[in-house]
Amino acid sequence: MFLTRTQGRGWEPDAVLNWLALAGWGTHTEPSDQIGQPTKTVKAPDSTTVMNLSEIINDVCLFGFLIPRPRELRAEESLQFELDVLTHRRATLDPAKLAFLNKHHLVRTRSTESGLHALALRARRHIKDAFPNTLVPYLLFSLGFYVMCVYFYSTFTSLEYIEKAIVALQGRLVTLMDLSTAAPYLFVQPAWDDAEARAMLDVISITDYQNVMRGTVTRLRSTSPWDVQTITDALHAENRTAGIKPARFMTVLRHAMSGVKVRDFLVNLCLWVQI
């Protein structure tokens, strides 16, 4: 029940188990391999060590029973949580450490195709709730005196798009629910008529705007490989070609792509141009 509630708040179950295990993990003694030293002290892992359940218990499952691996078969750096390592001191649950662990468990999960797909499936519900206006009219037809309109969700809520958003935001997501707040401009059409969008153009001439957009689109179409460093270099090169200040150059791109003064705009650009 506890894990179900925490997952509903965006915390990954593996991260919560990781957090709780480390909070109660203390030092313990083991038989020493050296003659004359009957025992040796084994320290607890660092309080921010990222582990899933199998890594914590370091056990194998055989016909439904958990059977500890023989100690000689374990890697020296492997970890094992046992009852005798529980600390007797009062454990402090640090929310900041849970956030750190959750962030890294998300990175772990999205590193595999199946994991990324599972994250996108879970995130889609939150995206639809956060952006209910992503419904777009698709088909109009008449039934006598009634006109029916069929609505479909836009591409902003497709699994493919959400997967790309998760990858593009990389380490910025502490919880999966942060996807809708870390970069809301990824899931709505740019509002170029808003006061903020119009104000962005106060210091940009039409000629500069057109030149920056034409040059950037042409350069990015031939950019390879498609990674942050390569795109950064391409934008710097195009900025020099355009001959305007970097701040104005980036304002043009921000306005065209999102209509807002967003941070980490390169992430947004990588995602949108790829799509």
C-alpha atoms as a PDB file:
ATOM      1  CA  MET A   1       0.000   0.000   0.000  1.00  0.00           C
ATOM      2  CA  PHE A   2       2.829   2.388   0.877  1.00  0.00           C
ATOM      3  CA  LEU A   3       4.582   1.738  -2.438  1.00  0.00           C
ATOM      4  CA  THR A   4       1.306   2.170  -4.326  1.00  0.00           C
ATOM      5  CA  ARG A   5       0.734   5.581  -2.751  1.00  0.00           C
ATOM      6  CA  THR A   6       4.294   6.730  -3.362  1.00  0.00           C
ATOM      7  CA  GLN A   7       4.145   5.610  -6.999  1.00  0.00           C
ATOM      8  CA  GLY A   8       0.960   7.646  -7.387  1.00  0.00           C
ATOM      9  CA  ARG A   9       2.993  10.665  -6.338  1.00  0.00           C
ATOM     10  CA  GLY A  10       5.633   9.950  -8.939  1.00  0.00           C
ATOM     11  CA  TRP A  11       8.163   7.980  -6.913  1.00  0.00           C
ATOM     12  CA  GLU A  12       9.535   4.802  -8.508  1.00  0.00           C
ATOM     13  CA  PRO A  13       9.016   1.651  -6.357  1.00  0.00           C
ATOM     14  CA  ASP A  14      12.650   0.582  -6.848  1.00  0.00           C
ATOM     15  CA  ALA A  15      13.809   4.019  -5.727  1.00  0.00           C
ATOM     16  CA  VAL A  16      11.676   3.897  -2.573  1.00  0.00           C
ATOM     17  CA  LEU A  17      12.960   0.418  -1.678  1.00  0.00           C
ATOM     18  CA  ASN A  18      16.496   1.600  -2.415  1.00  0.00           C
ATOM     19  CA  TRP A  19      15.979   4.605  -0.139  1.00  0.00           C
ATOM     20  CA  LEU A  20      14.539   2.581   2.754  1.00  0.00           C
ATOM     21  CA  ALA A  21      17.203  -0.128   2.519  1.00  0.00           C
ATOM     22  CA  LEU A  22      20.058   2.372   2.625  1.00  0.00           C
ATOM     23  CA  ALA A  23      18.474   4.264   5.519  1.00  0.00           C
ATOM     24  CA  GLY A  24      18.608   1.160   7.714  1.00  0.00           C
ATOM     25  CA  TRP A  25      21.823  -0.351   6.392  1.00  0.00           C
ATOM     26  CA  GLY A  26      24.618  -0.444   8.958  1.00  0.00           C
ATOM     27  CA  THR A  27      28.083  -1.904   9.255  1.00  0.00           C
ATOM     28  CA  HIS A  28      28.532  -5.582  10.079  1.00  0.00           C
ATOM     29  CA  THR A  29      31.303  -8.112  10.591  1.00  0.00           C
ATOM     30  CA  GLU A  30      32.243 -11.093   8.458  1.00  0.00           C
ATOM     31  CA  PRO A  31      34.834 -13.859   8.801  1.00  0.00           C
ATOM     32  CA  SER A  32      38.199 -12.571   7.671  1.00  0.00           C
ATOM     33  CA  ASP A  33      40.254 -14.207   4.920  1.00  0.00           C
ATOM     34  CA  GLN A  34      43.472 -13.216   6.674  1.00  0.00           C
ATOM     35  CA  ILE A  35      45.124 -15.419   9.282  1.00  0.00           C
ATOM     36  CA  GLY A  36      45.125 -13.926  12.746  1.00  0.00           C
ATOM     37  CA  GLN A  37      42.116 -11.706  12.054  1.00  0.00           C
ATOM     38  CA  PRO A  38      38.950 -13.665  12.900  1.00  0.00           C
ATOM     39  CA  THR A  39      36.555 -10.965  11.631  1.00  0.00           C
ATOM     40  CA  LYS A  40      36.531  -7.948   9.410  1.00  0.00           C
ATOM     41  CA  THR A  41      34.215  -4.938   9.428  1.00  0.00           C
ATOM     42  CA  VAL A  42      32.153  -4.363   6.284  1.00  0.00           C
ATOM     43  CA  LYS A  43      30.891  -0.831   5.878  1.00  0.00           C
ATOM     44  CA  ALA A  44      27.447   0.012   4.616  1.00  0.00           C
ATOM     45  CA  PRO A  45      27.209   1.235   1.015  1.00  0.00           C
ATOM     46  CA  ASP A  46      27.108   4.949   0.357  1.00  0.00           C
ATOM     47  CA  SER A  47      23.713   6.461   1.158  1.00  0.00           C
ATOM     48  CA  THR A  48      23.190   7.387  -2.502  1.00  0.00           C
ATOM     49  CA  THR A  49      24.125   4.025  -4.038  1.00  0.00           C
ATOM     50  CA  VAL A  50      21.605   3.234  -6.788  1.00  0.00           C
ATOM     51  CA  MET A  51      20.318  -0.357  -6.509  1.00  0.00           C
ATOM     52  CA  ASN A  52      17.240  -2.312  -7.491  1.00  0.00           C
ATOM     53  CA  LEU A  53      15.762  -5.089  -5.354  1.00  0.00           C
ATOM     54  CA  SER A  54      17.828  -7.908  -6.849  1.00  0.00           C
ATOM     55  CA  GLU A  55      21.020  -5.919  -6.354  1.00  0.00           C
ATOM     56  CA  ILE A  56      20.084  -5.213  -2.752  1.00  0.00           C
ATOM     57  CA  ILE A  57      19.496  -8.810  -1.716  1.00  0.00           C
ATOM     58  CA  ASN A  58      21.930 -10.341  -4.225  1.00  0.00           C
ATOM     59  CA  ASP A  59      19.958 -13.568  -4.276  1.00  0.00           C
ATOM     60  CA  VAL A  60      18.826 -15.974  -6.984  1.00  0.00           C
ATOM     61  CA  CYS A  61      15.346 -17.421  -7.260  1.00  0.00           C
ATOM     62  CA  LEU A  62      14.989 -21.162  -7.811  1.00  0.00           C
ATOM     63  CA  PHE A  63      11.551 -22.744  -8.148  1.00  0.00           C
ATOM     64  CA  GLY A  64       9.985 -19.905  -6.186  1.00  0.00           C
ATOM     65  CA  PHE A  65      12.470 -20.007  -3.302  1.00  0.00           C
ATOM     66  CA  LEU A  66      15.094 -17.372  -2.593  1.00  0.00           C
ATOM     67  CA  ILE A  67      18.446 -19.116  -2.293  1.00  0.00           C
ATOM     68  CA  PRO A  68      21.472 -17.009  -1.330  1.00  0.00           C
ATOM     69  CA  ARG A  69      24.376 -17.194  -3.731  1.00  0.00           C
ATOM     70  CA  PRO A  70      27.493 -18.800  -2.285  1.00  0.00           C
ATOM     71  CA  ARG A  71      29.764 -16.029  -1.036  1.00  0.00           C
ATOM     72  CA  GLU A  72      32.627 -17.213  -3.232  1.00  0.00           C
ATOM     73  CA  LEU A  73      30.491 -16.663  -6.331  1.00  0.00           C
ATOM     74  CA  ARG A  74      29.675 -13.060  -5.525  1.00  0.00           C
ATOM     75  CA  ALA A  75      31.675 -10.248  -7.065  1.00  0.00           C
ATOM     76  CA  GLU A  76      33.768  -8.360  -4.544  1.00  0.00           C
ATOM     77  CA  GLU A  77      31.865  -5.170  -5.235  1.00  0.00           C
ATOM     78  CA  SER A  78      28.413  -6.784  -5.063  1.00  0.00           C
ATOM     79  CA  LEU A  79      26.041  -5.902  -2.244  1.00  0.00           C
ATOM     80  CA  GLN A  80      23.837  -8.006   0.023  1.00  0.00           C
ATOM     81  CA  PHE A  81      21.251  -6.819   2.474  1.00  0.00           C
ATOM     82  CA  GLU A  82      20.813  -9.198   5.389  1.00  0.00           C
ATOM     83  CA  LEU A  83      18.974  -8.863   8.679  1.00  0.00           C
ATOM     84  CA  ASP A  84      22.230  -8.690  10.623  1.00  0.00           C
ATOM     85  CA  VAL A  85      23.211  -5.483   8.806  1.00  0.00           C
ATOM     86  CA  LEU A  86      20.179  -3.566  10.106  1.00  0.00           C
ATOM     87  CA  THR A  87      21.368  -0.628  12.144  1.00  0.00           C
ATOM     88  CA  HIS A  88      20.158  -0.175  15.719  1.00  0.00           C
ATOM     89  CA  ARG A  89      20.388   3.584  15.542  1.00  0.00           C
ATOM     90  CA  ARG A  90      17.470   5.796  14.649  1.00  0.00           C
ATOM     91  CA  ALA A  91      17.359   6.094  10.854  1.00  0.00           C
ATOM     92  CA  THR A  92      16.683   9.440   9.226  1.00  0.00           C
ATOM     93  CA  LEU A  93      14.732   9.436   5.976  1.00  0.00           C
ATOM     94  CA  ASP A  94      16.147  12.257   3.876  1.00  0.00           C
ATOM     95  CA  PRO A  95      13.712  13.387   1.131  1.00  0.00           C
ATOM     96  CA  ALA A  96      16.613  14.845  -0.854  1.00  0.00           C
ATOM     97  CA  LYS A  97      18.208  11.400  -1.096  1.00  0.00           C
ATOM     98  CA  LEU A  98      14.926   9.906  -2.303  1.00  0.00           C
ATOM     99  CA  ALA A  99      14.806  12.563  -5.022  1.00  0.00           C
ATOM    100  CA  PHE A 100      18.395  11.759  -6.021  1.00  0.00           C
ATOM    101  CA  LEU A 101      17.723   8.012  -6.145  1.00  0.00           C
ATOM    102  CA  ASN A 102      14.437   8.422  -8.006  1.00  0.00           C
ATOM    103  CA  LYS A 103      16.091  10.584 -10.635  1.00  0.00           C
ATOM    104  CA  HIS A 104      18.772   7.977 -11.265  1.00  0.00           C
ATOM    105  CA  HIS A 105      16.303   5.092 -11.303  1.00  0.00           C
ATOM    106  CA  LEU A 106      14.405   6.937 -14.053  1.00  0.00           C
ATOM    107  CA  VAL A 107      17.631   7.266 -16.030  1.00  0.00           C
ATOM    108  CA  ARG A 108      18.245   3.535 -15.569  1.00  0.00           C
ATOM    109  CA  THR A 109      14.755   2.622 -16.716  1.00  0.00           C
ATOM    110  CA  ARG A 110      14.782   4.807 -19.816  1.00  0.00           C
ATOM    111  CA  SER A 111      18.133   3.325 -20.899  1.00  0.00           C
ATOM    112  CA  THR A 112      16.323   0.269 -22.300  1.00  0.00           C
ATOM    113  CA  GLU A 113      13.713   0.278 -25.061  1.00  0.00           C
ATOM    114  CA  SER A 114      11.159  -1.612 -22.970  1.00  0.00           C
ATOM    115  CA  GLY A 115      11.781   0.588 -19.944  1.00  0.00           C
ATOM    116  CA  LEU A 116      11.393   3.784 -21.947  1.00  0.00           C
ATOM    117  CA  HIS A 117       8.147   2.509 -23.459  1.00  0.00           C
ATOM    118  CA  ALA A 118       6.794   1.653 -19.995  1.00  0.00           C
ATOM    119  CA  LEU A 119       7.628   5.151 -18.736  1.00  0.00           C
ATOM    120  CA  ALA A 120       5.876   6.729 -21.722  1.00  0.00           C
ATOM    121  CA  LEU A 121       2.752   4.641 -21.083  1.00  0.00           C
ATOM    122  CA  ARG A 122       2.623   5.833 -17.482  1.00  0.00           C
ATOM    123  CA  ALA A 123       3.411   9.440 -18.380  1.00  0.00           C
ATOM    124  CA  ARG A 124       0.741   9.715 -21.085  1.00  0.00           C
ATOM    125  CA  ARG A 125      -2.080   9.738 -18.528  1.00  0.00           C
ATOM    126  CA  HIS A 126      -0.450  12.625 -16.652  1.00  0.00           C
ATOM    127  CA  ILE A 127       0.153  14.537 -19.893  1.00  0.00           C
ATOM    128  CA  LYS A 128      -3.495  14.169 -20.946  1.00  0.00           C
ATOM    129  CA  ASP A 129      -4.649  15.344 -17.515  1.00  0.00           C
ATOM    130  CA  ALA A 130      -2.238  18.288 -17.485  1.00  0.00           C
ATOM    131  CA  PHE A 131      -3.045  19.357 -21.037  1.00  0.00           C
ATOM    132  CA  PRO A 132      -6.711  18.553 -21.696  1.00  0.00           C
ATOM    133  CA  ASN A 133      -6.707  20.861 -24.713  1.00  0.00           C
ATOM    134  CA  THR A 134      -4.499  18.454 -26.644  1.00  0.00           C
ATOM    135  CA  LEU A 135      -7.706  17.127 -28.185  1.00  0.00           C
ATOM    136  CA  VAL A 136      -7.955  18.323 -31.771  1.00  0.00           C
ATOM    137  CA  PRO A 137     -10.917  18.083 -34.175  1.00  0.00           C
ATOM    138  CA  TYR A 138     -10.329  15.378 -36.737  1.00  0.00           C
ATOM    139  CA  LEU A 139     -13.592  14.742 -38.570  1.00  0.00           C
ATOM    140  CA  LEU A 140     -16.888  16.581 -38.994  1.00  0.00           C
ATOM    141  CA  PHE A 141     -19.994  14.905 -40.353  1.00  0.00           C
ATOM    142  CA  SER A 142     -23.706  15.604 -40.397  1.00  0.00           C
ATOM    143  CA  LEU A 143     -26.527  13.443 -39.063  1.00  0.00           C
ATOM    144  CA  GLY A 144     -29.723  15.204 -40.060  1.00  0.00           C
ATOM    145  CA  PHE A 145     -29.965  18.278 -37.868  1.00  0.00           C
ATOM    146  CA  TYR A 146     -26.893  17.301 -35.851  1.00  0.00           C
ATOM    147  CA  VAL A 147     -23.270  17.914 -36.706  1.00  0.00           C
ATOM    148  CA  MET A 148     -20.888  15.445 -35.123  1.00  0.00           C
ATOM    149  CA  CYS A 149     -17.205  16.142 -34.489  1.00  0.00           C
ATOM    150  CA  VAL A 150     -14.727  13.342 -33.832  1.00  0.00           C
ATOM    151  CA  TYR A 151     -11.739  14.362 -31.694  1.00  0.00           C
ATOM    152  CA  PHE A 152      -8.361  12.708 -31.446  1.00  0.00           C
ATOM    153  CA  TYR A 153      -5.408  13.418 -29.223  1.00  0.00           C
ATOM    154  CA  SER A 154      -2.655  15.354 -30.962  1.00  0.00           C
ATOM    155  CA  THR A 155       0.817  13.969 -31.621  1.00  0.00           C
ATOM    156  CA  PHE A 156       1.904  15.617 -28.353  1.00  0.00           C
ATOM    157  CA  THR A 157       0.362  12.684 -26.496  1.00  0.00           C
ATOM    158  CA  SER A 158       1.571   9.883 -28.745  1.00  0.00           C
ATOM    159  CA  LEU A 159       3.841   7.336 -27.095  1.00  0.00           C
ATOM    160  CA  GLU A 160       6.604   8.003 -29.627  1.00  0.00           C
ATOM    161  CA  TYR A 161       6.554  11.724 -28.883  1.00  0.00           C
ATOM    162  CA  ILE A 162       6.492  11.230 -25.100  1.00  0.00           C
ATOM    163  CA  GLU A 163       9.413   8.794 -25.324  1.00  0.00           C
ATOM    164  CA  LYS A 164      11.435  11.431 -27.175  1.00  0.00           C
ATOM    165  CA  ALA A 165      10.470  14.038 -24.585  1.00  0.00           C
ATOM    166  CA  ILE A 166      11.685  11.795 -21.747  1.00  0.00           C
ATOM    167  CA  VAL A 167      15.007  11.182 -23.503  1.00  0.00           C
ATOM    168  CA  ALA A 168      15.451  14.846 -24.425  1.00  0.00           C
ATOM    169  CA  LEU A 169      14.900  16.027 -20.861  1.00  0.00           C
ATOM    170  CA  GLN A 170      17.409  13.436 -19.614  1.00  0.00           C
ATOM    171  CA  GLY A 171      18.457  14.147 -16.040  1.00  0.00           C
ATOM    172  CA  ARG A 172      16.015  17.017 -15.479  1.00  0.00           C
ATOM    173  CA  LEU A 173      13.199  14.697 -14.374  1.00  0.00           C
ATOM    174  CA  VAL A 174      13.156  13.930 -10.655  1.00  0.00           C
ATOM    175  CA  THR A 175       9.844  12.095 -10.948  1.00  0.00           C
ATOM    176  CA  LEU A 176       7.906  11.028 -14.025  1.00  0.00           C
ATOM    177  CA  MET A 177       5.175  13.516 -13.132  1.00  0.00           C
ATOM    178  CA  ASP A 178       7.705  16.327 -13.640  1.00  0.00           C
ATOM    179  CA  LEU A 179       7.434  15.759 -17.393  1.00  0.00           C
ATOM    180  CA  SER A 180       4.409  18.046 -17.659  1.00  0.00           C
ATOM    181  CA  THR A 181       5.991  20.836 -15.597  1.00  0.00           C
ATOM    182  CA  ALA A 182       9.671  20.682 -16.591  1.00  0.00           C
ATOM    183  CA  ALA A 183       8.900  21.506 -20.225  1.00  0.00           C
ATOM    184  CA  PRO A 184       5.190  22.332 -20.702  1.00  0.00           C
ATOM    185  CA  TYR A 185       5.944  24.005 -24.036  1.00  0.00           C
ATOM    186  CA  LEU A 186       6.649  20.548 -25.488  1.00  0.00           C
ATOM    187  CA  PHE A 187       2.977  19.591 -25.250  1.00  0.00           C
ATOM    188  CA  VAL A 188       1.141  22.651 -26.577  1.00  0.00           C
ATOM    189  CA  GLN A 189       1.193  24.655 -29.768  1.00  0.00           C
ATOM    190  CA  PRO A 190       3.217  27.897 -29.541  1.00  0.00           C
ATOM    191  CA  ALA A 191       1.026  30.862 -28.594  1.00  0.00           C
ATOM    192  CA  TRP A 192       2.601  33.504 -30.816  1.00  0.00           C
ATOM    193  CA  ASP A 193      -0.195  35.991 -30.066  1.00  0.00           C
ATOM    194  CA  ASP A 194       0.543  36.054 -26.336  1.00  0.00           C
ATOM    195  CA  ALA A 195       2.063  39.179 -24.844  1.00  0.00           C
ATOM    196  CA  GLU A 196       5.255  37.304 -23.930  1.00  0.00           C
ATOM    197  CA  ALA A 197       5.728  36.062 -27.487  1.00  0.00           C
ATOM    198  CA  ARG A 198       5.122  39.508 -28.993  1.00  0.00           C
ATOM    199  CA  ALA A 199       7.512  41.125 -26.516  1.00  0.00           C
ATOM    200  CA  MET A 200      10.275  38.759 -27.631  1.00  0.00           C
ATOM    201  CA  LEU A 201      10.222  40.365 -31.074  1.00  0.00           C
ATOM    202  CA  ASP A 202      10.560  43.970 -29.902  1.00  0.00           C
ATOM    203  CA  VAL A 203      14.312  43.966 -30.512  1.00  0.00           C
ATOM    204  CA  ILE A 204      14.332  41.659 -33.564  1.00  0.00           C
ATOM    205  CA  SER A 205      13.955  42.950 -37.111  1.00  0.00           C
ATOM    206  CA  ILE A 206      11.953  40.989 -39.669  1.00  0.00           C
ATOM    207  CA  THR A 207      15.082  40.628 -41.827  1.00  0.00           C
ATOM    208  CA  ASP A 208      17.141  39.156 -38.977  1.00  0.00           C
ATOM    209  CA  TYR A 209      14.274  36.818 -38.035  1.00  0.00           C
ATOM    210  CA  GLN A 210      13.935  35.453 -41.560  1.00  0.00           C
ATOM    211  CA  ASN A 211      17.685  35.091 -42.087  1.00  0.00           C
ATOM    212  CA  VAL A 212      18.183  33.237 -38.789  1.00  0.00           C
ATOM    213  CA  MET A 213      15.331  30.825 -39.454  1.00  0.00           C
ATOM    214  CA  ARG A 214      16.330  30.045 -43.056  1.00  0.00           C
ATOM    215  CA  GLY A 215      19.984  29.574 -42.157  1.00  0.00           C
ATOM    216  CA  THR A 216      19.317  27.475 -39.059  1.00  0.00           C
ATOM    217  CA  VAL A 217      16.879  25.131 -40.799  1.00  0.00           C
ATOM    218  CA  THR A 218      19.286  24.614 -43.710  1.00  0.00           C
ATOM    219  CA  ARG A 219      22.239  23.951 -41.420  1.00  0.00           C
ATOM    220  CA  LEU A 220      20.388  21.577 -39.090  1.00  0.00           C
ATOM    221  CA  ARG A 221      19.107  19.502 -42.003  1.00  0.00           C
ATOM    222  CA  SER A 222      22.694  18.592 -42.816  1.00  0.00           C
ATOM    223  CA  THR A 223      23.830  18.159 -39.195  1.00  0.00           C
ATOM    224  CA  SER A 224      25.128  14.736 -38.222  1.00  0.00           C
ATOM    225  CA  PRO A 225      25.417  13.001 -35.806  1.00  0.00           C
ATOM    226  CA  TRP A 226      22.298  14.213 -34.036  1.00  0.00           C
ATOM    227  CA  ASP A 227      23.570  14.955 -30.557  1.00  0.00           C
ATOM    228  CA  VAL A 228      23.730  17.953 -28.252  1.00  0.00           C
ATOM    229  CA  GLN A 229      27.376  18.820 -28.942  1.00  0.00           C
ATOM    230  CA  THR A 230      27.004  18.666 -32.726  1.00  0.00           C
ATOM    231  CA  ILE A 231      23.858  20.791 -32.661  1.00  0.00           C
ATOM    232  CA  THR A 232      25.508  23.279 -30.298  1.00  0.00           C
ATOM    233  CA  ASP A 233      28.416  23.650 -32.716  1.00  0.00           C
ATOM    234  CA  ALA A 234      26.010  24.060 -35.658  1.00  0.00           C
ATOM    235  CA  LEU A 235      24.076  26.796 -33.866  1.00  0.00           C
ATOM    236  CA  HIS A 236      27.243  28.653 -32.925  1.00  0.00           C
ATOM    237  CA  ALA A 237      28.394  28.486 -36.542  1.00  0.00           C
ATOM    238  CA  GLU A 238      25.052  29.762 -37.807  1.00  0.00           C
ATOM    239  CA  ASN A 239      25.080  32.544 -35.229  1.00  0.00           C
ATOM    240  CA  ARG A 240      28.412  33.728 -36.580  1.00  0.00           C
ATOM    241  CA  THR A 241      27.050  33.568 -40.130  1.00  0.00           C
ATOM    242  CA  ALA A 242      23.972  35.588 -39.182  1.00  0.00           C
ATOM    243  CA  GLY A 243      26.171  38.278 -37.677  1.00  0.00           C
ATOM    244  CA  ILE A 244      23.877  39.170 -34.758  1.00  0.00           C
ATOM    245  CA  LYS A 245      24.318  38.939 -31.003  1.00  0.00           C
ATOM    246  CA  PRO A 246      23.889  35.431 -29.519  1.00  0.00           C
ATOM    247  CA  ALA A 247      21.045  36.597 -27.277  1.00  0.00           C
ATOM    248  CA  ARG A 248      19.042  37.835 -30.265  1.00  0.00           C
ATOM    249  CA  PHE A 249      19.879  34.738 -32.283  1.00  0.00           C
ATOM    250  CA  MET A 250      18.533  32.441 -29.567  1.00  0.00           C
ATOM    251  CA  THR A 251      15.486  34.676 -29.034  1.00  0.00           C
ATOM    252  CA  VAL A 252      14.500  34.105 -32.652  1.00  0.00           C
ATOM    253  CA  LEU A 253      14.743  30.319 -32.228  1.00  0.00           C
ATOM    254  CA  ARG A 254      12.900  30.349 -28.913  1.00  0.00           C
ATOM    255  CA  HIS A 255      10.080  32.416 -30.379  1.00  0.00           C
ATOM    256  CA  ALA A 256       9.735  30.263 -33.481  1.00  0.00           C
ATOM    257  CA  MET A 257       9.780  26.953 -31.615  1.00  0.00           C
ATOM    258  CA  SER A 258       7.905  27.712 -28.393  1.00  0.00           C
ATOM    259  CA  GLY A 259       6.789  31.332 -28.167  1.00  0.00           C
ATOM    260  CA  VAL A 260       8.207  31.548 -24.624  1.00  0.00           C
ATOM    261  CA  LYS A 261      11.516  32.397 -22.991  1.00  0.00           C
ATOM    262  CA  VAL A 262      12.458  28.843 -22.093  1.00  0.00           C
ATOM    263  CA  ARG A 263      15.653  27.609 -20.507  1.00  0.00           C
ATOM    264  CA  ASP A 264      17.675  24.694 -21.834  1.00  0.00           C
ATOM    265  CA  PHE A 265      16.219  25.542 -25.217  1.00  0.00           C
ATOM    266  CA  LEU A 266      18.682  23.309 -27.035  1.00  0.00           C
ATOM    267  CA  VAL A 267      16.954  20.270 -25.540  1.00  0.00           C
ATOM    268  CA  ASN A 268      13.650  21.488 -26.936  1.00  0.00           C
ATOM    269  CA  LEU A 269      15.202  22.150 -30.324  1.00  0.00           C
ATOM    270  CA  CYS A 270      16.790  18.688 -30.477  1.00  0.00           C
ATOM    271  CA  LEU A 271      13.448  17.058 -29.815  1.00  0.00           C
ATOM    272  CA  TRP A 272      11.255  19.124 -32.115  1.00  0.00           C
ATOM    273  CA  VAL A 273      13.536  19.228 -35.128  1.00  0.00           C
ATOM    274  CA  GLN A 274      14.009  15.450 -34.892  1.00  0.00           C
ATOM    275  CA  ILE A 275      10.235  14.924 -34.910  1.00  0.00           C
END
